[in-house]
PDB file of all heavy atoms in Angstrom:
ATOM      1  N   ALA A   1       0.003   0.753  13.940  1.00  0.00           N
ATOM      2  CA  ALA A   1      -0.831   2.016  13.437  1.00  0.00           C
ATOM      3  C   ALA A   1      -2.185   1.545  12.930  1.00  0.00           C
ATOM      4  O   ALA A   1      -3.257   2.216  13.258  1.00  0.00           O
ATOM      5  CB  ALA A   1       0.007   2.758  12.423  1.00  0.00           C
ATOM      6  N   HIS A   2      -2.256   0.542  12.264  1.00  0.00           N
ATOM      7  CA  HIS A   2      -3.477  -0.044  11.738  1.00  0.00           C
ATOM      8  C   HIS A   2      -4.338  -0.462  12.889  1.00  0.00           C
ATOM      9  O   HIS A   2      -5.529  -0.210  12.814  1.00  0.00           O
ATOM     10  CB  HIS A   2      -3.210  -1.165  10.681  1.00  0.00           C
ATOM     11  CG  HIS A   2      -4.438  -1.787  10.086  1.00  0.00           C
ATOM     12  ND1 HIS A   2      -5.113  -2.949  10.602  1.00  0.00           N
ATOM     13  CD2 HIS A   2      -5.347  -1.304   9.139  1.00  0.00           C
ATOM     14  CE1 HIS A   2      -6.071  -3.184  10.016  1.00  0.00           C
ATOM     15  NE2 HIS A   2      -6.348  -2.180   9.043  1.00  0.00           N
ATOM     16  N   ALA A   3      -3.827  -1.234  13.832  1.00  0.00           N
ATOM     17  CA  ALA A   3      -4.608  -1.799  14.953  1.00  0.00           C
ATOM     18  C   ALA A   3      -5.138  -0.626  15.763  1.00  0.00           C
ATOM     19  O   ALA A   3      -6.193  -0.736  16.467  1.00  0.00           O
ATOM     20  CB  ALA A   3      -3.703  -2.732  15.863  1.00  0.00           C
ATOM     21  N   LEU A   4      -4.468   0.492  15.734  1.00  0.00           N
ATOM     22  CA  LEU A   4      -4.941   1.635  16.602  1.00  0.00           C
ATOM     23  C   LEU A   4      -6.037   2.429  15.889  1.00  0.00           C
ATOM     24  O   LEU A   4      -6.439   3.537  16.345  1.00  0.00           O
ATOM     25  CB  LEU A   4      -3.784   2.522  17.017  1.00  0.00           C
ATOM     26  CG  LEU A   4      -2.722   1.854  17.876  1.00  0.00           C
ATOM     27  CD1 LEU A   4      -1.387   2.804  18.101  1.00  0.00           C
ATOM     28  CD2 LEU A   4      -3.467   1.889  19.402  1.00  0.00           C
ATOM     29  N   GLY A   5      -6.283   1.989  14.782  1.00  0.00           N
ATOM     30  CA  GLY A   5      -7.469   2.616  13.922  1.00  0.00           C
ATOM     31  C   GLY A   5      -7.132   3.680  12.984  1.00  0.00           C
ATOM     32  O   GLY A   5      -7.952   4.492  12.456  1.00  0.00           O
ATOM     33  N   CYS A   6      -5.750   3.947  12.769  1.00  0.00           N
ATOM     34  CA  CYS A   6      -5.201   4.909  11.771  1.00  0.00           C
ATOM     35  C   CYS A   6      -5.631   4.577  10.344  1.00  0.00           C
ATOM     36  O   CYS A   6      -5.733   3.439  10.002  1.00  0.00           O
ATOM     37  CB  CYS A   6      -3.795   5.114  11.879  1.00  0.00           C
ATOM     38  SG  CYS A   6      -3.180   5.769  13.516  1.00  0.00           S
ATOM     39  N   ASP A   7      -5.937   5.524   9.638  1.00  0.00           N
ATOM     40  CA  ASP A   7      -6.222   5.504   8.147  1.00  0.00           C
ATOM     41  C   ASP A   7      -4.851   5.460   7.480  1.00  0.00           C
ATOM     42  O   ASP A   7      -4.265   6.479   7.337  1.00  0.00           O
ATOM     43  CB  ASP A   7      -7.109   6.539   7.668  1.00  0.00           C
ATOM     44  CG  ASP A   7      -7.309   6.532   6.260  1.00  0.00           C
ATOM     45  OD1 ASP A   7      -6.906   5.598   5.538  1.00  0.00           O
ATOM     46  OD2 ASP A   7      -8.094   7.484   5.680  1.00  0.00           O
ATOM     47  N   LEU A   8      -4.295   4.331   6.874  1.00  0.00           N
ATOM     48  CA  LEU A   8      -3.002   4.270   6.285  1.00  0.00           C
ATOM     49  C   LEU A   8      -3.109   4.369   4.752  1.00  0.00           C
ATOM     50  O   LEU A   8      -3.963   3.745   4.174  1.00  0.00           O
ATOM     51  CB  LEU A   8      -2.310   2.913   6.550  1.00  0.00           C
ATOM     52  CG  LEU A   8      -2.268   2.580   8.055  1.00  0.00           C
ATOM     53  CD1 LEU A   8      -1.447   1.328   8.246  1.00  0.00           C
ATOM     54  CD2 LEU A   8      -1.718   3.638   8.968  1.00  0.00           C
ATOM     55  N   ARG A   9      -2.351   5.150   4.240  1.00  0.00           N
ATOM     56  CA  ARG A   9      -2.271   5.480   2.751  1.00  0.00           C
ATOM     57  C   ARG A   9      -0.754   5.487   2.271  1.00  0.00           C
ATOM     58  O   ARG A   9       0.155   5.802   3.035  1.00  0.00           O
ATOM     59  CB  ARG A   9      -2.969   6.771   2.362  1.00  0.00           C
ATOM     60  CG  ARG A   9      -4.447   6.860   2.907  1.00  0.00           C
ATOM     61  CD  ARG A   9      -5.113   8.156   2.517  1.00  0.00           C
ATOM     62  NE  ARG A   9      -6.371   8.259   3.174  1.00  0.00           N
ATOM     63  CZ  ARG A   9      -7.533   8.636   2.522  1.00  0.00           C
ATOM     64  NH1 ARG A   9      -7.409   9.128   1.303  1.00  0.00           N
ATOM     65  NH2 ARG A   9      -8.733   8.719   3.263  1.00  0.00           N
ATOM     66  N   ILE A  10      -0.575   5.266   0.988  1.00  0.00           N
ATOM     67  CA  ILE A  10       0.715   5.372   0.373  1.00  0.00           C
ATOM     68  C   ILE A  10       0.650   6.424  -0.782  1.00  0.00           C
ATOM     69  O   ILE A  10      -0.334   6.459  -1.524  1.00  0.00           O
ATOM     70  CB  ILE A  10       1.191   4.075  -0.104  1.00  0.00           C
ATOM     71  CG1 ILE A  10       1.490   3.042   0.958  1.00  0.00           C
ATOM     72  CG2 ILE A  10       2.399   4.158  -1.131  1.00  0.00           C
ATOM     73  CD1 ILE A  10       1.755   1.538   0.621  1.00  0.00           C
ATOM     74  N   VAL A  11       1.634   7.192  -0.822  1.00  0.00           N
ATOM     75  CA  VAL A  11       1.953   8.204  -1.925  1.00  0.00           C
ATOM     76  C   VAL A  11       3.322   7.961  -2.390  1.00  0.00           C
ATOM     77  O   VAL A  11       4.305   8.356  -1.699  1.00  0.00           O
ATOM     78  CB  VAL A  11       1.729   9.627  -1.499  1.00  0.00           C
ATOM     79  CG1 VAL A  11       1.929  10.629  -2.606  1.00  0.00           C
ATOM     80  CG2 VAL A  11       0.314   9.864  -0.988  1.00  0.00           C
ATOM     81  N   SER A  12       3.538   7.349  -3.597  1.00  0.00           N
ATOM     82  CA  SER A  12       4.817   6.988  -3.938  1.00  0.00           C
ATOM     83  C   SER A  12       5.101   7.151  -5.588  1.00  0.00           C
ATOM     84  O   SER A  12       4.177   6.899  -6.358  1.00  0.00           O
ATOM     85  CB  SER A  12       5.005   5.429  -3.586  1.00  0.00           C
ATOM     86  OG  SER A  12       6.158   4.879  -4.280  1.00  0.00           O
ATOM     87  N   ASP A  13       6.387   7.390  -5.748  1.00  0.00           N
ATOM     88  CA  ASP A  13       6.752   7.428  -7.218  1.00  0.00           C
ATOM     89  C   ASP A  13       7.302   6.213  -7.650  1.00  0.00           C
ATOM     90  O   ASP A  13       7.968   6.231  -8.721  1.00  0.00           O
ATOM     91  CB  ASP A  13       7.788   8.678  -7.377  1.00  0.00           C
ATOM     92  CG  ASP A  13       7.997   9.033  -8.692  1.00  0.00           C
ATOM     93  OD1 ASP A  13       7.115   8.656  -9.652  1.00  0.00           O
ATOM     94  OD2 ASP A  13       8.885   9.982  -9.058  1.00  0.00           O
ATOM     95  N   ALA A  14       6.958   5.085  -7.075  1.00  0.00           N
ATOM     96  CA  ALA A  14       7.296   3.832  -7.611  1.00  0.00           C
ATOM     97  C   ALA A  14       6.150   3.449  -8.657  1.00  0.00           C
ATOM     98  O   ALA A  14       5.861   4.217  -9.435  1.00  0.00           O
ATOM     99  CB  ALA A  14       7.411   2.792  -6.453  1.00  0.00           C
ATOM    100  N   ASN A  15       5.654   2.339  -8.565  1.00  0.00           N
ATOM    101  CA  ASN A  15       4.546   1.862  -9.477  1.00  0.00           C
ATOM    102  C   ASN A  15       3.683   0.816  -8.803  1.00  0.00           C
ATOM    103  O   ASN A  15       4.007   0.120  -7.808  1.00  0.00           O
ATOM    104  CB  ASN A  15       5.090   1.434 -10.880  1.00  0.00           C
ATOM    105  CG  ASN A  15       5.695   0.129 -10.906  1.00  0.00           C
ATOM    106  OD1 ASN A  15       5.118  -0.974 -10.653  1.00  0.00           O
ATOM    107  ND2 ASN A  15       7.081   0.127 -10.690  1.00  0.00           N
ATOM    108  N   MET A  16       2.471   0.775  -9.301  1.00  0.00           N
ATOM    109  CA  MET A  16       1.375  -0.110  -8.602  1.00  0.00           C
ATOM    110  C   MET A  16       1.813  -1.528  -8.705  1.00  0.00           C
ATOM    111  O   MET A  16       1.619  -2.218  -7.638  1.00  0.00           O
ATOM    112  CB  MET A  16       0.027   0.123  -9.330  1.00  0.00           C
ATOM    113  CG  MET A  16      -1.166  -0.570  -8.470  1.00  0.00           C
ATOM    114  SD  MET A  16      -1.317  -0.048  -6.915  1.00  0.00           S
ATOM    115  CE  MET A  16      -2.163   1.522  -7.169  1.00  0.00           C
ATOM    116  N   PHE A  17       2.408  -1.969  -9.703  1.00  0.00           N
ATOM    117  CA  PHE A  17       2.796  -3.459  -9.893  1.00  0.00           C
ATOM    118  C   PHE A  17       3.776  -3.750  -8.697  1.00  0.00           C
ATOM    119  O   PHE A  17       3.704  -4.828  -8.010  1.00  0.00           O
ATOM    120  CB  PHE A  17       3.216  -3.872 -11.155  1.00  0.00           C
ATOM    121  CG  PHE A  17       3.611  -5.320 -11.343  1.00  0.00           C
ATOM    122  CD1 PHE A  17       2.633  -6.132 -11.678  1.00  0.00           C
ATOM    123  CD2 PHE A  17       4.933  -5.734 -10.902  1.00  0.00           C
ATOM    124  CE1 PHE A  17       2.967  -7.558 -11.815  1.00  0.00           C
ATOM    125  CE2 PHE A  17       5.204  -7.018 -11.179  1.00  0.00           C
ATOM    126  CZ  PHE A  17       4.218  -7.967 -11.498  1.00  0.00           C
ATOM    127  N   PHE A  18       4.902  -2.995  -8.531  1.00  0.00           N
ATOM    128  CA  PHE A  18       5.929  -3.206  -7.613  1.00  0.00           C
ATOM    129  C   PHE A  18       5.319  -3.189  -6.155  1.00  0.00           C
ATOM    130  O   PHE A  18       5.551  -4.113  -5.404  1.00  0.00           O
ATOM    131  CB  PHE A  18       7.028  -2.266  -7.721  1.00  0.00           C
ATOM    132  CG  PHE A  18       8.009  -2.373  -8.795  1.00  0.00           C
ATOM    133  CD1 PHE A  18       7.648  -3.331  -9.862  1.00  0.00           C
ATOM    134  CD2 PHE A  18       9.145  -1.537  -8.955  1.00  0.00           C
ATOM    135  CE1 PHE A  18       8.476  -3.479 -10.859  1.00  0.00           C
ATOM    136  CE2 PHE A  18      10.037  -1.898  -9.995  1.00  0.00           C
ATOM    137  CZ  PHE A  18       9.791  -2.700 -11.005  1.00  0.00           C
ATOM    138  N   ILE A  19       4.540  -2.150  -5.908  1.00  0.00           N
ATOM    139  CA  ILE A  19       4.012  -1.871  -4.658  1.00  0.00           C
ATOM    140  C   ILE A  19       3.018  -2.989  -4.202  1.00  0.00           C
ATOM    141  O   ILE A  19       3.123  -3.593  -3.070  1.00  0.00           O
ATOM    142  CB  ILE A  19       3.314  -0.559  -4.476  1.00  0.00           C
ATOM    143  CG1 ILE A  19       4.400   0.505  -4.541  1.00  0.00           C
ATOM    144  CG2 ILE A  19       2.615  -0.411  -3.174  1.00  0.00           C
ATOM    145  CD1 ILE A  19       3.862   1.937  -4.569  1.00  0.00           C
ATOM    146  N   ASP A  20       2.087  -3.314  -5.079  1.00  0.00           N
ATOM    147  CA  ASP A  20       1.159  -4.377  -4.859  1.00  0.00           C
ATOM    148  C   ASP A  20       1.806  -5.774  -4.565  1.00  0.00           C
ATOM    149  O   ASP A  20       1.421  -6.565  -3.578  1.00  0.00           O
ATOM    150  CB  ASP A  20       0.129  -4.491  -6.043  1.00  0.00           C
ATOM    151  CG  ASP A  20      -1.271  -4.088  -5.835  1.00  0.00           C
ATOM    152  OD1 ASP A  20      -1.495  -3.813  -4.594  1.00  0.00           O
ATOM    153  OD2 ASP A  20      -2.184  -3.929  -6.629  1.00  0.00           O
ATOM    154  N   SER A  21       2.847  -6.105  -5.397  1.00  0.00           N
ATOM    155  CA  SER A  21       3.468  -7.275  -5.308  1.00  0.00           C
ATOM    156  C   SER A  21       4.139  -7.455  -3.835  1.00  0.00           C
ATOM    157  O   SER A  21       4.089  -8.505  -3.210  1.00  0.00           O
ATOM    158  CB  SER A  21       4.498  -7.553  -6.380  1.00  0.00           C
ATOM    159  OG  SER A  21       3.933  -7.510  -7.634  1.00  0.00           O
ATOM    160  N   ILE A  22       4.819  -6.408  -3.496  1.00  0.00           N
ATOM    161  CA  ILE A  22       5.615  -6.394  -2.271  1.00  0.00           C
ATOM    162  C   ILE A  22       4.629  -6.459  -1.054  1.00  0.00           C
ATOM    163  O   ILE A  22       4.861  -7.239  -0.078  1.00  0.00           O
ATOM    164  CB  ILE A  22       6.505  -5.162  -2.162  1.00  0.00           C
ATOM    165  CG1 ILE A  22       7.547  -5.289  -3.149  1.00  0.00           C
ATOM    166  CG2 ILE A  22       7.146  -5.140  -0.758  1.00  0.00           C
ATOM    167  CD1 ILE A  22       8.368  -4.034  -3.383  1.00  0.00           C
ATOM    168  N   LEU A  23       3.576  -5.548  -1.035  1.00  0.00           N
ATOM    169  CA  LEU A  23       2.733  -5.547   0.080  1.00  0.00           C
ATOM    170  C   LEU A  23       1.939  -6.865   0.305  1.00  0.00           C
ATOM    171  O   LEU A  23       1.757  -7.303   1.284  1.00  0.00           O
ATOM    172  CB  LEU A  23       1.706  -4.323   0.084  1.00  0.00           C
ATOM    173  CG  LEU A  23       2.323  -2.931   0.031  1.00  0.00           C
ATOM    174  CD1 LEU A  23       1.215  -1.911  -0.072  1.00  0.00           C
ATOM    175  CD2 LEU A  23       3.089  -2.828   1.302  1.00  0.00           C
ATOM    176  N   LYS A  24       1.496  -7.449  -0.900  1.00  0.00           N
ATOM    177  CA  LYS A  24       0.851  -8.729  -0.739  1.00  0.00           C
ATOM    178  C   LYS A  24       1.756  -9.847  -0.287  1.00  0.00           C
ATOM    179  O   LYS A  24       1.384 -10.631   0.610  1.00  0.00           O
ATOM    180  CB  LYS A  24       0.321  -9.139  -2.164  1.00  0.00           C
ATOM    181  CG  LYS A  24      -0.984  -8.319  -2.559  1.00  0.00           C
ATOM    182  CD  LYS A  24      -1.312  -8.705  -3.929  1.00  0.00           C
ATOM    183  CE  LYS A  24      -2.628  -7.784  -4.368  1.00  0.00           C
ATOM    184  NZ  LYS A  24      -3.061  -8.058  -5.761  1.00  0.00           N
ATOM    185  N   HIS A  25       2.943  -9.877  -0.634  1.00  0.00           N
ATOM    186  CA  HIS A  25       3.884 -10.818  -0.217  1.00  0.00           C
ATOM    187  C   HIS A  25       4.212 -10.553   1.312  1.00  0.00           C
ATOM    188  O   HIS A  25       4.357 -11.697   1.957  1.00  0.00           O
ATOM    189  CB  HIS A  25       5.296 -10.644  -0.944  1.00  0.00           C
ATOM    190  CG  HIS A  25       6.364 -11.608  -0.491  1.00  0.00           C
ATOM    191  ND1 HIS A  25       6.325 -12.872  -0.635  1.00  0.00           N
ATOM    192  CD2 HIS A  25       7.550 -11.283   0.202  1.00  0.00           C
ATOM    193  CE1 HIS A  25       7.294 -13.449  -0.253  1.00  0.00           C
ATOM    194  NE2 HIS A  25       8.026 -12.513   0.408  1.00  0.00           N
ATOM    195  N   LEU A  26       4.221  -9.456   1.781  1.00  0.00           N
ATOM    196  CA  LEU A  26       4.435  -9.150   3.174  1.00  0.00           C
ATOM    197  C   LEU A  26       3.138  -9.312   4.017  1.00  0.00           C
ATOM    198  O   LEU A  26       3.208  -9.331   5.226  1.00  0.00           O
ATOM    199  CB  LEU A  26       4.960  -7.698   3.310  1.00  0.00           C
ATOM    200  CG  LEU A  26       6.290  -7.439   2.748  1.00  0.00           C
ATOM    201  CD1 LEU A  26       6.547  -5.892   2.840  1.00  0.00           C
ATOM    202  CD2 LEU A  26       7.333  -8.163   3.557  1.00  0.00           C
ATOM    203  N   GLY A  27       1.938  -9.532   3.443  1.00  0.00           N
ATOM    204  CA  GLY A  27       0.693  -9.723   4.147  1.00  0.00           C
ATOM    205  C   GLY A  27       0.113  -8.445   4.684  1.00  0.00           C
ATOM    206  O   GLY A  27      -0.713  -8.629   5.589  1.00  0.00           O
ATOM    207  N   ILE A  28       0.458  -7.373   4.121  1.00  0.00           N
ATOM    208  CA  ILE A  28      -0.028  -6.064   4.630  1.00  0.00           C
ATOM    209  C   ILE A  28      -0.816  -5.196   3.618  1.00  0.00           C
ATOM    210  O   ILE A  28      -1.118  -4.053   3.972  1.00  0.00           O
ATOM    211  CB  ILE A  28       1.074  -5.290   5.390  1.00  0.00           C
ATOM    212  CG1 ILE A  28       2.114  -4.840   4.336  1.00  0.00           C
ATOM    213  CG2 ILE A  28       1.548  -5.926   6.519  1.00  0.00           C
ATOM    214  CD1 ILE A  28       3.127  -3.964   4.864  1.00  0.00           C
ATOM    215  N   ARG A  29      -1.138  -5.788   2.538  1.00  0.00           N
ATOM    216  CA  ARG A  29      -1.809  -4.978   1.479  1.00  0.00           C
ATOM    217  C   ARG A  29      -3.138  -4.383   1.939  1.00  0.00           C
ATOM    218  O   ARG A  29      -3.514  -3.248   1.681  1.00  0.00           O
ATOM    219  CB  ARG A  29      -2.002  -5.786   0.186  1.00  0.00           C
ATOM    220  CG  ARG A  29      -2.902  -5.192  -0.784  1.00  0.00           C
ATOM    221  CD  ARG A  29      -2.195  -3.814  -1.314  1.00  0.00           C
ATOM    222  NE  ARG A  29      -2.932  -3.187  -2.250  1.00  0.00           N
ATOM    223  CZ  ARG A  29      -3.891  -2.283  -2.096  1.00  0.00           C
ATOM    224  NH1 ARG A  29      -4.120  -1.887  -0.806  1.00  0.00           N
ATOM    225  NH2 ARG A  29      -4.566  -1.545  -3.020  1.00  0.00           N
ATOM    226  N   GLU A  30      -3.890  -5.150   2.826  1.00  0.00           N
ATOM    227  CA  GLU A  30      -5.234  -4.719   3.154  1.00  0.00           C
ATOM    228  C   GLU A  30      -5.262  -3.648   4.117  1.00  0.00           C
ATOM    229  O   GLU A  30      -6.228  -3.028   4.495  1.00  0.00           O
ATOM    230  CB  GLU A  30      -6.012  -5.910   3.680  1.00  0.00           C
ATOM    231  CG  GLU A  30      -5.457  -6.517   4.986  1.00  0.00           C
ATOM    232  CD  GLU A  30      -4.447  -7.512   4.839  1.00  0.00           C
ATOM    233  OE1 GLU A  30      -3.836  -7.619   3.729  1.00  0.00           O
ATOM    234  OE2 GLU A  30      -4.055  -8.222   5.791  1.00  0.00           O
ATOM    235  N   TYR A  31      -4.054  -3.373   4.844  1.00  0.00           N
ATOM    236  CA  TYR A  31      -3.977  -2.348   5.854  1.00  0.00           C
ATOM    237  C   TYR A  31      -4.077  -0.866   5.267  1.00  0.00           C
ATOM    238  O   TYR A  31      -4.214  -0.007   5.990  1.00  0.00           O
ATOM    239  CB  TYR A  31      -2.628  -2.349   6.507  1.00  0.00           C
ATOM    240  CG  TYR A  31      -2.473  -3.656   7.395  1.00  0.00           C
ATOM    241  CD1 TYR A  31      -1.167  -4.043   8.054  1.00  0.00           C
ATOM    242  CD2 TYR A  31      -3.479  -4.478   7.751  1.00  0.00           C
ATOM    243  CE1 TYR A  31      -1.232  -5.093   8.811  1.00  0.00           C
ATOM    244  CE2 TYR A  31      -3.478  -5.641   8.556  1.00  0.00           C
ATOM    245  CZ  TYR A  31      -2.283  -5.909   9.075  1.00  0.00           C
ATOM    246  OH  TYR A  31      -2.171  -7.016   9.778  1.00  0.00           O
ATOM    247  N   PHE A  32      -3.892  -0.799   3.955  1.00  0.00           N
ATOM    248  CA  PHE A  32      -3.749   0.534   3.298  1.00  0.00           C
ATOM    249  C   PHE A  32      -5.147   0.699   2.509  1.00  0.00           C
ATOM    250  O   PHE A  32      -5.545  -0.004   1.671  1.00  0.00           O
ATOM    251  CB  PHE A  32      -2.604   0.680   2.341  1.00  0.00           C
ATOM    252  CG  PHE A  32      -1.161   0.560   2.991  1.00  0.00           C
ATOM    253  CD1 PHE A  32      -0.611  -0.686   3.237  1.00  0.00           C
ATOM    254  CD2 PHE A  32      -0.692   1.688   3.577  1.00  0.00           C
ATOM    255  CE1 PHE A  32       0.559  -0.837   3.779  1.00  0.00           C
ATOM    256  CE2 PHE A  32       0.567   1.516   4.184  1.00  0.00           C
ATOM    257  CZ  PHE A  32       1.150   0.373   4.339  1.00  0.00           C
ATOM    258  N   SER A  33      -5.743   1.892   2.922  1.00  0.00           N
ATOM    259  CA  SER A  33      -7.037   2.229   2.256  1.00  0.00           C
ATOM    260  C   SER A  33      -6.840   2.813   0.860  1.00  0.00           C
ATOM    261  O   SER A  33      -7.762   2.819   0.045  1.00  0.00           O
ATOM    262  CB  SER A  33      -7.737   3.277   3.171  1.00  0.00           C
ATOM    263  OG  SER A  33      -7.037   4.511   3.192  1.00  0.00           O
ATOM    264  N   GLU A  34      -5.665   3.258   0.622  1.00  0.00           N
ATOM    265  CA  GLU A  34      -5.432   3.879  -0.763  1.00  0.00           C
ATOM    266  C   GLU A  34      -3.914   4.042  -1.082  1.00  0.00           C
ATOM    267  O   GLU A  34      -3.032   4.169  -0.240  1.00  0.00           O
ATOM    268  CB  GLU A  34      -5.852   5.310  -0.638  1.00  0.00           C
ATOM    269  CG  GLU A  34      -5.788   6.282  -1.920  1.00  0.00           C
ATOM    270  CD  GLU A  34      -6.277   7.681  -1.710  1.00  0.00           C
ATOM    271  OE1 GLU A  34      -5.544   8.364  -0.977  1.00  0.00           O
ATOM    272  OE2 GLU A  34      -7.360   7.952  -2.207  1.00  0.00           O
ATOM    273  N   ILE A  35      -3.603   3.580  -2.338  1.00  0.00           N
ATOM    274  CA  ILE A  35      -2.233   3.655  -2.867  1.00  0.00           C
ATOM    275  C   ILE A  35      -2.248   4.711  -4.070  1.00  0.00           C
ATOM    276  O   ILE A  35      -2.971   4.425  -5.080  1.00  0.00           O
ATOM    277  CB  ILE A  35      -1.760   2.291  -3.278  1.00  0.00           C
ATOM    278  CG1 ILE A  35      -1.689   1.372  -2.112  1.00  0.00           C
ATOM    279  CG2 ILE A  35      -0.370   2.501  -3.949  1.00  0.00           C
ATOM    280  CD1 ILE A  35      -1.225   0.006  -2.386  1.00  0.00           C
ATOM    281  N   ASN A  36      -1.510   5.807  -3.967  1.00  0.00           N
ATOM    282  CA  ASN A  36      -1.327   6.718  -4.989  1.00  0.00           C
ATOM    283  C   ASN A  36       0.030   6.507  -5.615  1.00  0.00           C
ATOM    284  O   ASN A  36       1.029   6.856  -4.945  1.00  0.00           O
ATOM    285  CB  ASN A  36      -1.573   8.163  -4.504  1.00  0.00           C
ATOM    286  CG  ASN A  36      -2.806   8.299  -3.904  1.00  0.00           C
ATOM    287  OD1 ASN A  36      -3.857   8.680  -4.456  1.00  0.00           O
ATOM    288  ND2 ASN A  36      -2.906   8.251  -2.482  1.00  0.00           N
ATOM    289  N   THR A  37       0.071   6.152  -6.810  1.00  0.00           N
ATOM    290  CA  THR A  37       1.379   5.810  -7.449  1.00  0.00           C
ATOM    291  C   THR A  37       1.190   5.756  -8.936  1.00  0.00           C
ATOM    292  O   THR A  37       0.106   5.889  -9.558  1.00  0.00           O
ATOM    293  CB  THR A  37       2.003   4.550  -6.815  1.00  0.00           C
ATOM    294  OG1 THR A  37       3.353   4.432  -7.400  1.00  0.00           O
ATOM    295  CG2 THR A  37       1.200   3.352  -7.373  1.00  0.00           C
ATOM    296  N   ASN A  38       2.402   5.505  -9.740  1.00  0.00           N
ATOM    297  CA  ASN A  38       2.363   5.371 -11.121  1.00  0.00           C
ATOM    298  C   ASN A  38       1.723   4.081 -11.525  1.00  0.00           C
ATOM    299  O   ASN A  38       1.942   3.058 -10.905  1.00  0.00           O
ATOM    300  CB  ASN A  38       3.774   5.550 -11.617  1.00  0.00           C
ATOM    301  CG  ASN A  38       4.482   6.817 -11.353  1.00  0.00           C
ATOM    302  OD1 ASN A  38       3.963   7.880 -11.845  1.00  0.00           O
ATOM    303  ND2 ASN A  38       5.557   6.730 -10.693  1.00  0.00           N
ATOM    304  N   PRO A  39       0.812   4.176 -12.492  1.00  0.00           N
ATOM    305  CA  PRO A  39       0.136   2.791 -12.971  1.00  0.00           C
ATOM    306  C   PRO A  39       1.259   1.896 -13.388  1.00  0.00           C
ATOM    307  O   PRO A  39       2.206   2.283 -14.106  1.00  0.00           O
ATOM    308  CB  PRO A  39      -0.693   3.307 -14.116  1.00  0.00           C
ATOM    309  CG  PRO A  39      -0.958   4.715 -13.952  1.00  0.00           C
ATOM    310  CD  PRO A  39       0.238   5.297 -13.277  1.00  0.00           C
ATOM    311  N   GLY A  40       1.135   0.605 -13.090  1.00  0.00           N
ATOM    312  CA  GLY A  40       1.940  -0.490 -13.562  1.00  0.00           C
ATOM    313  C   GLY A  40       1.107  -1.682 -13.772  1.00  0.00           C
ATOM    314  O   GLY A  40       0.431  -2.088 -12.887  1.00  0.00           O
TER     315      GLY A  40
END
């Protein structure tokens, strides 16, 4: 989806620390233009 030029965003009731840690570990954090979640 990212390679096709889509604007990827996250809207989650998790928290920023969990999401950031997981996405960075998976190597896909930079694919998302915006993350809306609970501060962590």
